[in-house]
Amino acid sequence: MNKDILSTLFVGIDVSSSSNHFCAIDFEGNYILNFSTTNDLPSSESAVEKIFNSLQEYNFTNVILVLESTNVFSFHIANFLASNNSLFNFNSKVFVINPKTSSNFRNTYSDMDKTDPMDAFILADMARCGRINQQPYKASQLFALQRLTRQRFHLVKTIMREKAYMMSNIYLKFSSLYIAKKEDEPFSNLFGTTSKSIISDFTPDDIVAISDDEMIDFIMDKGKSRFSNPKENVTLLKKIARDSYRLDKLAYDPINVAISSSFNTINALEDNLKVIEKAIEKNIKGLCDNAINILKSIPGIGLVYSARHHF
């Protein structure tokens, strides 16, 4: 039997918005501590002092602390315990587990009432029985990734909403572009630089009136000569222009302003998205390497996607 297990104090913490209940047991299941505190910094400091004193009194060399992920209420206490200097010398490990995991384990105690002290005991007993199969909580790094991945999700959703909103204005200006099939679209990326310039600066009548050669020169300049068959792009673009409804001339200026505003907003959001993704790649290194490498082994999944769906 692993001697470290015999000399480990197992601590379960049942967390709520206003209070925390601590239950500490040894390997044989004997109660070492059993007390409640309010969920604030001074009380948590006092709780750690009690744990520290017990570690010394009973000659424990290790301590494992377990709590459930409880909305935002578990964040501060988990972060406090994981970064507490007084517990470092006892090889402290903090685990924040999914409530479903502890709920399944709790079913083995069907003859016990559901009370806060019992919930804390069950969390401690899960650790004692070796039923926690996850990486220890890494306070600062995990917090950084949570904030970054959630910000990325927020930005992606915002970009999608802005694009959807802008499409209504594009329909008013270029109705046929809005309803065109994929193979009939003049540009592969409707929100790219070339498409942006066409949609923002030209009316359907402008596109019909300009010569093919002039339009080819225009899109080659905006697209940095990346079009393999610019004549085909122009042919599709002119068909879109001819088939689109016309607006009153007074309507084009406000529509152009609105479309340009949306393009600028999307560009700014996408620039911020790149910054967030670089920060995610930087912060994910060293965190759950095995899990991340498994996710990355799937074609099409990189660091950013792995972080978003693992954390």
Protein backbone atom coordinates (compact mmCIF):
# COMPACT_ATOMS: atom_id res chain seq x y z
CA MET A 1 0.00 0.00 0.00
CA ASN A 2 1.24 3.49 -0.84
CA LYS A 3 2.58 5.08 2.34
CA ASP A 4 1.58 8.51 1.03
CA ILE A 5 -2.07 7.46 1.16
CA LEU A 6 -1.75 6.38 4.79
CA SER A 7 -0.30 9.76 5.69
CA THR A 8 -2.81 11.83 3.68
CA LEU A 9 -5.54 14.03 5.09
CA PHE A 10 -8.64 14.01 2.88
CA VAL A 11 -10.69 17.20 3.05
CA GLY A 12 -14.11 17.69 1.50
CA ILE A 13 -15.64 21.16 1.24
CA ASP A 14 -19.33 21.66 0.57
CA VAL A 15 -19.66 25.12 -0.95
CA SER A 16 -22.58 27.49 -1.14
CA SER A 17 -22.87 31.21 -1.77
CA SER A 18 -22.75 32.09 1.92
CA SER A 19 -21.04 29.18 3.69
CA ASN A 20 -18.53 26.37 3.38
CA HIS A 21 -18.59 23.13 5.34
CA PHE A 22 -15.27 21.33 5.86
CA CYS A 23 -14.94 17.65 6.64
CA ALA A 24 -11.49 16.05 7.02
CA ILE A 25 -10.86 12.32 7.42
CA ASP A 26 -7.85 10.02 7.51
CA PHE A 27 -7.34 6.91 5.39
CA GLU A 28 -9.37 4.77 7.81
CA GLY A 29 -12.33 7.14 7.54
CA ASN A 30 -11.94 8.67 10.99
CA TYR A 31 -13.14 12.25 11.38
CA ILE A 32 -10.31 14.69 11.96
CA LEU A 33 -12.22 17.91 11.34
CA ASN A 34 -15.89 18.75 10.87
CA PHE A 35 -16.89 22.41 10.90
CA SER A 36 -18.65 25.20 8.98
CA THR A 37 -17.54 28.72 8.07
CA THR A 38 -18.90 31.63 6.13
CA ASN A 39 -17.75 31.87 2.52
CA ASP A 40 -15.35 34.79 2.83
CA LEU A 41 -11.61 35.38 3.02
CA PRO A 42 -11.16 35.68 6.83
CA SER A 43 -13.17 32.50 7.45
CA SER A 44 -11.25 30.61 4.76
CA GLU A 45 -7.97 31.71 6.31
CA SER A 46 -9.21 30.39 9.65
CA ALA A 47 -10.24 27.10 8.01
CA VAL A 48 -6.80 26.64 6.47
CA GLU A 49 -5.23 27.29 9.86
CA LYS A 50 -7.33 24.46 11.35
CA ILE A 51 -6.30 22.16 8.51
CA PHE A 52 -2.67 23.12 8.92
CA ASN A 53 -2.76 22.44 12.66
CA SER A 54 -4.34 19.03 12.08
CA LEU A 55 -1.70 18.15 9.52
CA GLN A 56 0.98 18.84 12.09
CA GLU A 57 -0.83 17.28 15.04
CA TYR A 58 -1.51 13.96 13.29
CA ASN A 59 1.78 13.89 11.36
CA PHE A 60 0.16 13.94 7.93
CA THR A 61 2.55 14.57 5.03
CA ASN A 62 -0.05 15.13 2.31
CA VAL A 63 -3.42 16.79 1.98
CA ILE A 64 -6.07 16.42 -0.72
CA LEU A 65 -8.91 18.94 -0.84
CA VAL A 66 -12.05 18.29 -2.89
CA LEU A 67 -15.00 20.53 -3.71
CA GLU A 68 -17.69 20.63 -6.34
CA SER A 69 -17.88 23.16 -9.13
CA THR A 70 -20.73 25.31 -7.83
CA ASN A 71 -21.51 28.10 -10.27
CA VAL A 72 -19.14 30.97 -9.38
CA PHE A 73 -19.29 30.28 -5.63
CA SER A 74 -16.56 27.64 -5.66
CA PHE A 75 -14.08 29.79 -7.58
CA HIS A 76 -12.67 31.93 -4.77
CA ILE A 77 -12.29 29.15 -2.20
CA ALA A 78 -10.71 26.80 -4.78
CA ASN A 79 -8.32 29.49 -5.92
CA PHE A 80 -7.47 30.35 -2.31
CA LEU A 81 -6.76 26.74 -1.33
CA ALA A 82 -4.76 25.94 -4.47
CA SER A 83 -2.45 28.93 -3.97
CA ASN A 84 -2.15 28.80 -0.17
CA ASN A 85 1.51 28.77 0.89
CA SER A 86 0.95 27.11 4.28
CA LEU A 87 -0.32 23.94 2.59
CA PHE A 88 2.43 23.66 -0.04
CA ASN A 89 4.80 21.76 2.28
CA PHE A 90 2.14 19.07 2.60
CA ASN A 91 1.98 18.44 -1.15
CA SER A 92 -1.49 19.92 -1.27
CA LYS A 93 -3.72 19.05 -4.22
CA VAL A 94 -7.08 20.71 -4.86
CA PHE A 95 -9.72 19.07 -7.04
CA VAL A 96 -12.82 20.85 -8.34
CA ILE A 97 -15.13 18.11 -9.57
CA ASN A 98 -18.35 17.95 -11.56
CA PRO A 99 -21.36 17.60 -9.20
CA LYS A 100 -22.61 14.68 -11.33
CA THR A 101 -19.51 12.72 -10.35
CA SER A 102 -20.08 13.16 -6.63
CA SER A 103 -23.81 12.55 -7.04
CA ASN A 104 -23.12 9.11 -8.54
CA PHE A 105 -20.71 8.28 -5.72
CA ARG A 106 -23.23 9.49 -3.16
CA ASN A 107 -25.69 6.81 -4.26
CA THR A 108 -23.55 4.28 -2.39
CA TYR A 109 -24.64 6.03 0.82
CA SER A 110 -28.37 5.53 0.29
CA ASP A 111 -29.05 5.11 4.02
CA MET A 112 -27.72 8.57 4.86
CA ASP A 113 -29.66 11.84 4.89
CA LYS A 114 -28.65 14.65 2.54
CA THR A 115 -27.13 17.32 4.75
CA ASP A 116 -24.27 19.70 4.17
CA PRO A 117 -21.90 17.91 6.57
CA MET A 118 -22.61 14.62 4.78
CA ASP A 119 -21.93 16.18 1.38
CA ALA A 120 -18.54 17.35 2.61
CA PHE A 121 -17.80 13.86 3.98
CA ILE A 122 -18.69 12.25 0.64
CA LEU A 123 -16.27 14.53 -1.20
CA ALA A 124 -13.50 13.64 1.25
CA ASP A 125 -14.36 9.94 0.98
CA MET A 126 -14.19 10.08 -2.82
CA ALA A 127 -10.57 11.16 -2.51
CA ARG A 128 -9.89 8.52 0.14
CA CYS A 129 -11.26 5.80 -2.15
CA GLY A 130 -9.29 7.05 -5.16
CA ARG A 131 -12.42 7.94 -7.12
CA ILE A 132 -11.16 11.25 -8.51
CA ASN A 133 -9.74 10.84 -11.99
CA GLN A 134 -8.76 14.29 -13.14
CA GLN A 135 -5.94 16.79 -12.97
CA PRO A 136 -5.52 18.90 -9.83
CA TYR A 137 -6.92 22.40 -9.98
CA LYS A 138 -4.36 24.86 -11.35
CA ALA A 139 -5.72 28.10 -10.06
CA SER A 140 -4.19 30.91 -12.06
CA GLN A 141 -3.67 29.02 -15.31
CA LEU A 142 -7.12 27.46 -15.30
CA PHE A 143 -8.74 30.77 -14.44
CA ALA A 144 -6.88 32.44 -17.30
CA LEU A 145 -8.02 29.80 -19.77
CA GLN A 146 -11.61 29.94 -18.57
CA ARG A 147 -11.71 33.70 -19.04
CA LEU A 148 -9.96 33.55 -22.42
CA THR A 149 -12.04 30.73 -23.89
CA ARG A 150 -15.26 32.36 -22.72
CA GLN A 151 -14.15 35.67 -24.21
CA ARG A 152 -13.37 33.92 -27.48
CA PHE A 153 -16.82 32.31 -27.47
CA HIS A 154 -18.37 35.73 -26.80
CA LEU A 155 -16.43 37.30 -29.68
CA VAL A 156 -17.34 34.51 -32.11
CA LYS A 157 -21.03 34.83 -31.24
CA THR A 158 -20.83 38.61 -31.59
CA ILE A 159 -19.19 38.31 -35.02
CA MET A 160 -21.91 35.89 -36.14
CA ARG A 161 -24.63 38.26 -34.97
CA GLU A 162 -23.02 41.23 -36.71
CA LYS A 163 -22.65 39.29 -39.96
CA ALA A 164 -26.26 38.17 -39.80
CA TYR A 165 -27.38 41.74 -39.19
CA MET A 166 -25.22 43.08 -42.02
CA MET A 167 -26.73 40.57 -44.45
CA SER A 168 -30.07 42.35 -44.16
CA ASN A 169 -28.45 45.54 -45.45
CA ILE A 170 -26.61 43.62 -48.16
CA TYR A 171 -29.94 42.22 -49.32
CA LEU A 172 -31.35 45.74 -49.62
CA LYS A 173 -28.40 46.82 -51.75
CA PHE A 174 -27.58 43.60 -53.65
CA SER A 175 -30.64 41.38 -53.35
CA SER A 176 -29.34 38.76 -55.78
CA LEU A 177 -26.05 38.46 -53.90
CA TYR A 178 -27.98 37.59 -50.75
CA ILE A 179 -29.91 34.74 -52.40
CA ALA A 180 -27.18 33.50 -54.76
CA LYS A 181 -26.17 29.84 -54.64
CA LYS A 182 -22.61 29.08 -53.61
CA GLU A 183 -21.48 28.36 -57.16
CA ASP A 184 -22.97 31.66 -58.36
CA GLU A 185 -21.24 33.86 -55.78
CA PRO A 186 -18.51 36.04 -57.29
CA PHE A 187 -16.22 35.75 -54.23
CA SER A 188 -15.44 32.80 -51.97
CA ASN A 189 -15.45 35.03 -48.90
CA LEU A 190 -18.31 37.50 -48.76
CA PHE A 191 -16.60 39.28 -45.88
CA GLY A 192 -13.14 39.46 -47.45
CA THR A 193 -11.27 42.58 -48.53
CA THR A 194 -12.32 42.47 -52.20
CA SER A 195 -15.95 41.75 -51.48
CA LYS A 196 -15.98 44.47 -48.83
CA SER A 197 -14.74 47.05 -51.34
CA ILE A 198 -17.29 46.03 -53.97
CA ILE A 199 -20.26 45.96 -51.61
CA SER A 200 -19.33 49.19 -49.86
CA ASP A 201 -18.24 51.32 -52.81
CA PHE A 202 -20.37 50.23 -55.76
CA THR A 203 -24.07 50.21 -56.57
CA PRO A 204 -25.52 47.58 -58.93
CA ASP A 205 -25.70 50.24 -61.66
CA ASP A 206 -22.02 51.12 -61.11
CA ILE A 207 -21.00 47.50 -61.61
CA VAL A 208 -23.10 47.12 -64.76
CA ALA A 209 -21.68 50.33 -66.23
CA ILE A 210 -17.98 49.70 -65.59
CA SER A 211 -16.04 47.80 -68.24
CA ASP A 212 -14.96 44.23 -67.62
CA ASP A 213 -11.29 45.16 -67.87
CA GLU A 214 -11.63 47.95 -65.31
CA MET A 215 -13.43 45.66 -62.89
CA ILE A 216 -10.84 42.92 -63.40
CA ASP A 217 -8.09 45.42 -62.59
CA PHE A 218 -10.01 46.53 -59.51
CA ILE A 219 -10.54 43.09 -58.01
CA MET A 220 -6.99 41.99 -58.83
CA ASP A 221 -5.66 45.04 -57.02
CA LYS A 222 -7.88 44.53 -53.97
CA GLY A 223 -7.30 40.78 -53.95
CA LYS A 224 -3.51 41.14 -54.38
CA SER A 225 -3.66 39.15 -57.66
CA ARG A 226 -4.92 36.00 -55.92
CA PHE A 227 -7.80 35.39 -58.34
CA SER A 228 -6.98 32.55 -60.74
CA ASN A 229 -9.79 33.44 -63.17
CA PRO A 230 -10.78 37.08 -62.53
CA LYS A 231 -12.88 37.26 -65.71
CA GLU A 232 -15.21 34.58 -64.32
CA ASN A 233 -15.47 36.49 -61.03
CA VAL A 234 -16.44 39.64 -62.90
CA THR A 235 -18.98 37.77 -65.03
CA LEU A 236 -20.68 36.43 -61.89
CA LEU A 237 -20.51 39.84 -60.23
CA LYS A 238 -22.14 41.59 -63.17
CA LYS A 239 -24.92 39.02 -63.31
CA ILE A 240 -25.58 39.63 -59.60
CA ALA A 241 -25.68 43.38 -60.26
CA ARG A 242 -28.06 43.08 -63.20
CA ASP A 243 -30.45 40.77 -61.31
CA SER A 244 -30.59 42.83 -58.11
CA TYR A 245 -33.41 45.21 -57.28
CA ARG A 246 -32.63 48.91 -57.47
CA LEU A 247 -32.98 51.39 -54.62
CA ASP A 248 -33.84 55.04 -54.78
CA LYS A 249 -30.61 57.00 -55.12
CA LEU A 250 -31.19 58.66 -51.73
CA ALA A 251 -31.17 55.25 -50.04
CA TYR A 252 -27.70 54.18 -51.14
CA ASP A 253 -25.70 56.54 -48.92
CA PRO A 254 -27.24 55.43 -45.58
CA ILE A 255 -27.07 51.78 -46.66
CA ASN A 256 -23.39 52.22 -47.55
CA VAL A 257 -22.69 53.80 -44.16
CA ALA A 258 -24.44 50.96 -42.36
CA ILE A 259 -22.62 48.26 -44.36
CA SER A 260 -19.24 49.94 -43.87
CA SER A 261 -19.91 50.23 -40.15
CA SER A 262 -20.64 46.51 -39.95
CA PHE A 263 -17.52 45.62 -41.92
CA ASN A 264 -15.40 47.78 -39.61
CA THR A 265 -17.00 46.23 -36.55
CA ILE A 266 -16.36 42.72 -37.84
CA ASN A 267 -12.74 43.54 -38.68
CA ALA A 268 -12.16 44.95 -35.19
CA LEU A 269 -13.77 41.90 -33.56
CA GLU A 270 -11.72 39.52 -35.70
CA ASP A 271 -8.51 41.36 -34.79
CA ASN A 272 -9.42 40.94 -31.12
CA LEU A 273 -10.21 37.30 -31.76
CA LYS A 274 -6.66 36.74 -33.05
CA VAL A 275 -5.24 38.33 -29.89
CA ILE A 276 -7.39 36.09 -27.69
CA GLU A 277 -6.39 32.95 -29.63
CA LYS A 278 -2.69 33.75 -29.26
CA ALA A 279 -3.21 34.21 -25.52
CA ILE A 280 -5.02 30.85 -25.32
CA GLU A 281 -2.16 29.09 -27.10
CA LYS A 282 0.32 30.67 -24.69
CA ASN A 283 -1.63 29.80 -21.53
CA ILE A 284 -2.61 26.24 -22.42
CA LYS A 285 0.96 24.95 -22.53
CA GLY A 286 1.67 22.60 -19.65
CA LEU A 287 -1.98 22.23 -18.61
CA CYS A 288 -3.45 18.72 -18.97
CA ASP A 289 -0.87 17.78 -21.60
CA ASN A 290 -2.23 14.26 -22.15
CA ALA A 291 -5.81 15.39 -22.68
CA ILE A 292 -4.74 18.23 -24.97
CA ASN A 293 -2.50 15.95 -27.04
CA ILE A 294 -5.35 13.46 -27.47
CA LEU A 295 -7.67 16.20 -28.71
CA LYS A 296 -4.98 17.60 -31.02
CA SER A 297 -4.47 14.16 -32.56
CA ILE A 298 -7.93 14.46 -34.14
CA PRO A 299 -7.62 16.02 -37.64
CA GLY A 300 -8.80 19.62 -37.70
CA ILE A 301 -8.49 20.22 -33.95
CA GLY A 302 -5.78 22.55 -32.70
CA LEU A 303 -4.80 24.15 -29.41
CA VAL A 304 -7.53 26.79 -29.40
CA TYR A 305 -10.34 24.33 -30.13
CA SER A 306 -8.90 21.89 -27.59
CA ALA A 307 -8.89 24.56 -24.89
CA ARG A 308 -12.45 25.63 -25.67
CA HIS A 309 -13.88 22.12 -25.50
CA HIS A 310 -11.71 20.72 -22.71
CA PHE A 311 -12.17 23.52 -20.22
